């Protein structure tokens, strides 16, 4: 039977860090370099972090026994959030400008590919009303279907005050995509034939591990609220199965970012290398 490391995730809620950490740990600052300022450098590992006895990866809400160990994971999560949301050029490379100076620029993560682009047969075909659209396209593979609107552990979707459903987008970095390609995991047939153990690359030194992000977006109907969000033009595809007219619809809207999950594989500490580090903002 196929064994999977991918099915287990370490869930860590990343809050704005507090200044409690191990002095010898280099990443105990706003930047992975150790400098106390925001930077565009993506953290990829937590080397030299000594994990206290009793602080182990888990998938429940148990309070960690070591605040110091948790603080360093919080720093790591905060650094990921800042680096991924740094303004970028058309190739996804971070600009030299400070993070708040280019509000009109795309973010680093927006250059990453979505499942619609990675997995054959799941993309928007030429007959779709979204074909050729530029900008963010939110479709059924990005949690856009009646049943997949349901929030985890509830029976209901997330609906905002204007009566609109929250919509979602998923992105993967090139490290994860290359792993899927090299192991013939881009199709259902390839996944069924796979007999190994899922073992996505882990970050170490300056090499980033497999990383995914999932973003949640609110449809903005009042332009006066735009300043309260990071906004972007988007096309929301409503399939004919979910349309009251029986015809596919493409809605051109402005959406505001309201949530982000970041998941990354790391090498150190060793207790965590089989898991994904999760950060939620």
Protein backbone atom coordinates (compact mmCIF):
# COMPACT_ATOMS: atom_id res chain seq x y z
CA UNK A 1 0.00 0.00 0.00
CA UNK A 2 1.25 3.47 -0.82
CA UNK A 3 2.46 5.40 2.20
CA UNK A 4 1.98 9.13 2.33
CA UNK A 5 3.77 11.78 4.33
CA UNK A 6 1.64 14.35 2.54
CA UNK A 7 -1.53 13.34 4.32
CA UNK A 8 -0.27 14.56 7.71
CA UNK A 9 0.13 18.27 8.32
CA UNK A 10 1.57 20.25 11.18
CA UNK A 11 -0.82 23.08 11.93
CA UNK A 12 0.76 26.12 13.52
CA UNK A 13 -1.14 29.38 13.79
CA UNK A 14 1.28 32.18 13.02
CA UNK A 15 0.53 35.39 14.86
CA UNK A 16 2.45 38.64 14.81
CA UNK A 17 5.63 37.55 16.64
CA UNK A 18 6.46 38.63 20.16
CA UNK A 19 10.00 39.26 21.32
CA UNK A 20 10.59 36.00 23.15
CA UNK A 21 13.09 33.72 21.49
CA UNK A 22 16.41 31.89 21.78
CA UNK A 23 19.20 34.45 21.46
CA UNK A 24 21.46 32.04 19.54
CA UNK A 25 18.90 31.45 16.83
CA UNK A 26 19.65 33.52 13.74
CA UNK A 27 16.09 33.84 12.47
CA UNK A 28 14.84 35.61 15.59
CA UNK A 29 14.31 38.89 13.77
CA UNK A 30 12.01 40.36 11.14
CA UNK A 31 14.39 39.19 8.40
CA UNK A 32 15.88 35.71 7.99
CA UNK A 33 19.35 37.33 7.89
CA UNK A 34 18.98 38.32 11.53
CA UNK A 35 18.37 42.00 10.80
CA UNK A 36 15.52 43.71 12.61
CA UNK A 37 13.81 44.95 9.46
CA UNK A 38 11.41 43.50 6.93
CA UNK A 39 13.03 41.88 3.91
CA UNK A 40 12.06 39.90 0.81
CA UNK A 41 14.20 36.84 1.67
CA UNK A 42 12.11 33.69 1.98
CA UNK A 43 12.97 31.52 5.02
CA UNK A 44 13.41 27.86 4.07
CA UNK A 45 14.52 26.02 7.22
CA UNK A 46 15.02 26.36 10.96
CA UNK A 47 18.62 25.17 11.51
CA UNK A 48 20.22 25.13 14.97
CA UNK A 49 16.84 25.33 16.66
CA UNK A 50 16.82 23.14 19.73
CA UNK A 51 13.35 21.79 20.30
CA UNK A 52 12.53 21.30 23.95
CA UNK A 53 11.41 17.92 25.19
CA UNK A 54 7.66 17.57 24.79
CA UNK A 55 7.46 20.00 21.86
CA UNK A 56 6.62 17.71 18.98
CA UNK A 57 4.65 17.96 15.74
CA UNK A 58 0.95 17.21 16.09
CA UNK A 59 -2.31 17.85 14.34
CA UNK A 60 -4.32 18.92 17.37
CA UNK A 61 -4.63 22.15 19.33
CA UNK A 62 -2.41 21.12 22.24
CA UNK A 63 -0.56 24.11 23.67
CA UNK A 64 3.21 23.73 23.10
CA UNK A 65 5.23 23.12 26.26
CA UNK A 66 8.01 25.39 25.02
CA UNK A 67 7.10 29.00 24.23
CA UNK A 68 10.60 29.62 22.88
CA UNK A 69 10.24 26.88 20.28
CA UNK A 70 6.82 28.15 19.25
CA UNK A 71 8.08 31.73 19.01
CA UNK A 72 10.70 30.73 16.46
CA UNK A 73 8.08 28.99 14.33
CA UNK A 74 6.03 32.19 14.59
CA UNK A 75 9.00 34.22 13.33
CA UNK A 76 9.47 31.75 10.48
CA UNK A 77 5.80 32.05 9.55
CA UNK A 78 5.87 35.84 9.68
CA UNK A 79 8.95 35.94 7.44
CA UNK A 80 7.23 33.66 4.89
CA UNK A 81 4.19 35.93 4.86
CA UNK A 82 6.26 39.08 4.30
CA UNK A 83 8.47 37.51 1.59
CA UNK A 84 5.55 36.06 -0.38
CA UNK A 85 3.60 39.33 -0.24
CA UNK A 86 6.58 41.45 -1.34
CA UNK A 87 5.96 43.52 -4.51
CA UNK A 88 7.40 41.72 -7.52
CA UNK A 89 8.29 42.24 -11.17
CA UNK A 90 6.58 40.43 -14.05
CA UNK A 91 8.75 37.34 -13.42
CA UNK A 92 7.82 37.11 -9.75
CA UNK A 93 11.15 38.40 -8.49
CA UNK A 94 10.94 40.73 -5.46
CA UNK A 95 11.52 44.41 -6.20
CA UNK A 96 14.16 46.35 -4.24
CA UNK A 97 11.48 48.71 -2.98
CA UNK A 98 10.09 48.49 0.56
CA UNK A 99 7.06 46.25 0.89
CA UNK A 100 4.53 49.10 1.21
CA UNK A 101 5.87 51.32 -1.56
CA UNK A 102 4.38 49.59 -4.63
CA UNK A 103 0.72 48.87 -3.88
CA UNK A 104 -0.05 48.44 -7.57
CA UNK A 105 2.65 45.79 -8.12
CA UNK A 106 1.85 42.05 -8.15
CA UNK A 107 3.01 39.99 -5.19
CA UNK A 108 5.72 37.30 -5.37
CA UNK A 109 3.23 34.45 -4.91
CA UNK A 110 1.14 35.59 -7.87
CA UNK A 111 3.79 34.26 -10.27
CA UNK A 112 3.25 30.73 -8.93
CA UNK A 113 1.03 28.27 -10.81
CA UNK A 114 -2.45 27.15 -9.81
CA UNK A 115 -3.72 23.55 -10.00
CA UNK A 116 -5.68 24.57 -13.12
CA UNK A 117 -2.35 25.30 -14.81
CA UNK A 118 -0.40 22.31 -13.43
CA UNK A 119 -2.73 19.34 -13.81
CA UNK A 120 -3.71 18.52 -17.43
CA UNK A 121 -7.40 18.54 -18.17
CA UNK A 122 -8.24 20.79 -15.22
CA UNK A 123 -7.53 24.13 -16.87
CA UNK A 124 -9.93 26.53 -18.56
CA UNK A 125 -10.53 25.35 -22.12
CA UNK A 126 -11.10 27.58 -25.12
CA UNK A 127 -14.89 27.24 -24.83
CA UNK A 128 -14.92 28.77 -21.36
CA UNK A 129 -15.96 32.40 -21.02
CA UNK A 130 -12.78 32.89 -18.94
CA UNK A 131 -10.43 31.84 -21.74
CA UNK A 132 -7.96 34.62 -22.43
CA UNK A 133 -8.83 36.51 -19.27
CA UNK A 134 -5.95 38.22 -17.50
CA UNK A 135 -5.58 38.41 -13.76
CA UNK A 136 -6.91 36.12 -11.09
CA UNK A 137 -9.35 33.45 -12.28
CA UNK A 138 -11.31 31.72 -9.55
CA UNK A 139 -12.74 28.49 -10.83
CA UNK A 140 -14.09 25.13 -9.61
CA UNK A 141 -10.60 23.74 -8.92
CA UNK A 142 -9.99 26.63 -6.55
CA UNK A 143 -12.77 25.46 -4.23
CA UNK A 144 -15.44 26.98 -6.46
CA UNK A 145 -18.33 24.53 -6.44
CA UNK A 146 -21.43 24.19 -4.32
CA UNK A 147 -20.11 21.45 -2.06
CA UNK A 148 -16.56 22.75 -1.80
CA UNK A 149 -17.68 26.12 -0.46
CA UNK A 150 -18.35 24.39 2.84
CA UNK A 151 -15.89 25.50 5.49
CA UNK A 152 -13.91 22.82 7.39
CA UNK A 153 -15.72 21.37 10.41
CA UNK A 154 -18.98 23.17 9.54
CA UNK A 155 -22.05 22.55 7.40
CA UNK A 156 -22.01 26.03 5.88
CA UNK A 157 -20.04 28.20 3.45
CA UNK A 158 -18.38 31.44 4.54
CA UNK A 159 -20.62 34.33 3.44
CA UNK A 160 -19.76 38.00 3.88
CA UNK A 161 -22.05 40.85 4.95
CA UNK A 162 -22.94 41.59 1.33
CA UNK A 163 -24.26 38.06 0.88
CA UNK A 164 -21.38 36.84 -1.32
CA UNK A 165 -19.46 33.61 -0.83
CA UNK A 166 -15.77 33.87 0.00
CA UNK A 167 -13.75 32.47 -2.94
CA UNK A 168 -10.38 30.72 -2.96
CA UNK A 169 -7.17 30.34 -4.91
CA UNK A 170 -4.35 27.77 -4.58
CA UNK A 171 -0.74 28.18 -5.78
CA UNK A 172 2.32 25.88 -5.81
CA UNK A 173 5.99 26.77 -6.15
CA UNK A 174 8.20 25.29 -8.88
CA UNK A 175 9.90 22.91 -6.42
CA UNK A 176 6.64 21.14 -5.72
CA UNK A 177 5.58 21.13 -9.37
CA UNK A 178 8.92 19.65 -10.47
CA UNK A 179 8.56 16.88 -7.87
CA UNK A 180 5.08 16.05 -9.19
CA UNK A 181 6.35 16.02 -12.77
CA UNK A 182 9.40 13.87 -12.02
CA UNK A 183 7.27 11.28 -10.22
CA UNK A 184 4.51 11.18 -12.85
CA UNK A 185 1.97 12.49 -10.35
CA UNK A 186 0.17 14.99 -12.57
CA UNK A 187 -2.54 12.54 -13.66
CA UNK A 188 -4.87 10.17 -11.85
CA UNK A 189 -3.33 7.23 -13.72
CA UNK A 190 0.17 8.25 -12.65
CA UNK A 191 -0.90 8.62 -9.04
CA UNK A 192 -2.54 5.18 -9.08
CA UNK A 193 0.64 3.61 -10.46
CA UNK A 194 2.89 5.31 -7.88
CA UNK A 195 4.21 2.75 -5.39
CA UNK A 196 6.69 4.83 -3.41
CA UNK A 197 6.27 7.18 -0.47
CA UNK A 198 5.25 10.75 -1.07
CA UNK A 199 8.32 12.70 0.03
CA UNK A 200 8.20 16.29 -1.12
CA UNK A 201 11.52 18.20 -1.11
CA UNK A 202 12.41 19.96 2.14
CA UNK A 203 14.04 23.36 2.45
CA UNK A 204 17.66 23.55 3.57
CA UNK A 205 20.40 26.21 3.47
CA UNK A 206 19.17 28.64 0.78
CA UNK A 207 17.12 26.07 -1.16
CA UNK A 208 13.38 26.39 -0.68
CA UNK A 209 11.30 23.28 -0.06
CA UNK A 210 7.94 22.42 -1.56
CA UNK A 211 5.57 25.26 -0.73
CA UNK A 212 1.85 25.86 -1.27
CA UNK A 213 -0.39 28.79 -0.50
CA UNK A 214 -4.13 29.04 -0.35
CA UNK A 215 -5.72 32.47 -0.37
CA UNK A 216 -9.27 33.52 0.51
CA UNK A 217 -10.87 36.50 -1.21
CA UNK A 218 -13.89 38.67 -0.59
CA UNK A 219 -15.83 40.12 -3.53
CA UNK A 220 -15.76 43.90 -3.01
CA UNK A 221 -18.95 45.71 -4.01
CA UNK A 222 -18.19 49.10 -2.43
CA UNK A 223 -15.21 50.94 -3.90
CA UNK A 224 -14.84 52.96 -0.71
CA UNK A 225 -13.69 49.79 1.04
CA UNK A 226 -10.89 49.01 -1.40
CA UNK A 227 -8.28 50.79 0.72
CA UNK A 228 -8.87 48.28 3.53
CA UNK A 229 -7.62 45.30 1.48
CA UNK A 230 -4.98 44.13 -0.93
CA UNK A 231 -7.14 44.14 -4.07
CA UNK A 232 -6.86 42.65 -7.52
CA UNK A 233 -9.13 42.27 -10.56
CA UNK A 234 -10.57 38.75 -10.81
CA UNK A 235 -12.85 36.68 -12.98
CA UNK A 236 -15.17 34.35 -11.09
CA UNK A 237 -16.36 31.41 -13.16
CA UNK A 238 -19.78 29.99 -12.30
CA UNK A 239 -20.28 26.66 -14.03
CA UNK A 240 -23.56 25.95 -15.80
CA UNK A 241 -24.37 23.38 -13.11
CA UNK A 242 -24.37 26.14 -10.48
CA UNK A 243 -26.01 28.84 -12.61
CA UNK A 244 -29.74 29.59 -12.39
CA UNK A 245 -29.75 30.23 -16.15
CA UNK A 246 -28.11 26.90 -16.98
CA UNK A 247 -25.33 28.81 -18.77
CA UNK A 248 -21.76 29.32 -17.63
CA UNK A 249 -21.13 32.80 -16.27
CA UNK A 250 -17.92 34.81 -15.89
CA UNK A 251 -18.14 37.66 -13.42
CA UNK A 252 -15.51 40.41 -13.65
CA UNK A 253 -15.07 41.75 -10.13
CA UNK A 254 -12.57 43.27 -7.73
CA UNK A 255 -11.62 41.01 -4.82
CA UNK A 256 -9.87 41.75 -1.54
CA UNK A 257 -7.50 39.37 0.23
CA UNK A 258 -8.92 38.24 3.58
CA UNK A 259 -6.90 35.14 4.45
CA UNK A 260 -3.82 33.12 3.57
CA UNK A 261 -2.55 29.66 4.44
CA UNK A 262 1.17 29.05 3.79
CA UNK A 263 2.52 25.47 3.83
CA UNK A 264 6.20 24.60 3.47
CA UNK A 265 8.41 21.52 3.93
CA UNK A 266 11.52 22.04 6.08
CA UNK A 267 14.51 19.86 7.01
CA UNK A 268 15.18 21.11 10.54
CA UNK A 269 14.34 20.44 13.30
CA UNK A 270 14.33 16.77 12.31
CA UNK A 271 11.18 16.04 14.29
CA UNK A 272 9.26 18.22 11.84
CA UNK A 273 10.77 17.16 8.50
CA UNK A 274 8.04 14.61 7.71
CA UNK A 275 5.36 17.26 8.19
CA UNK A 276 4.30 20.47 6.51
CA UNK A 277 4.62 23.66 8.53
CA UNK A 278 1.32 25.54 8.28
CA UNK A 279 0.87 29.22 8.94
CA UNK A 280 -2.50 30.94 8.86
CA UNK A 281 -3.08 34.68 8.52
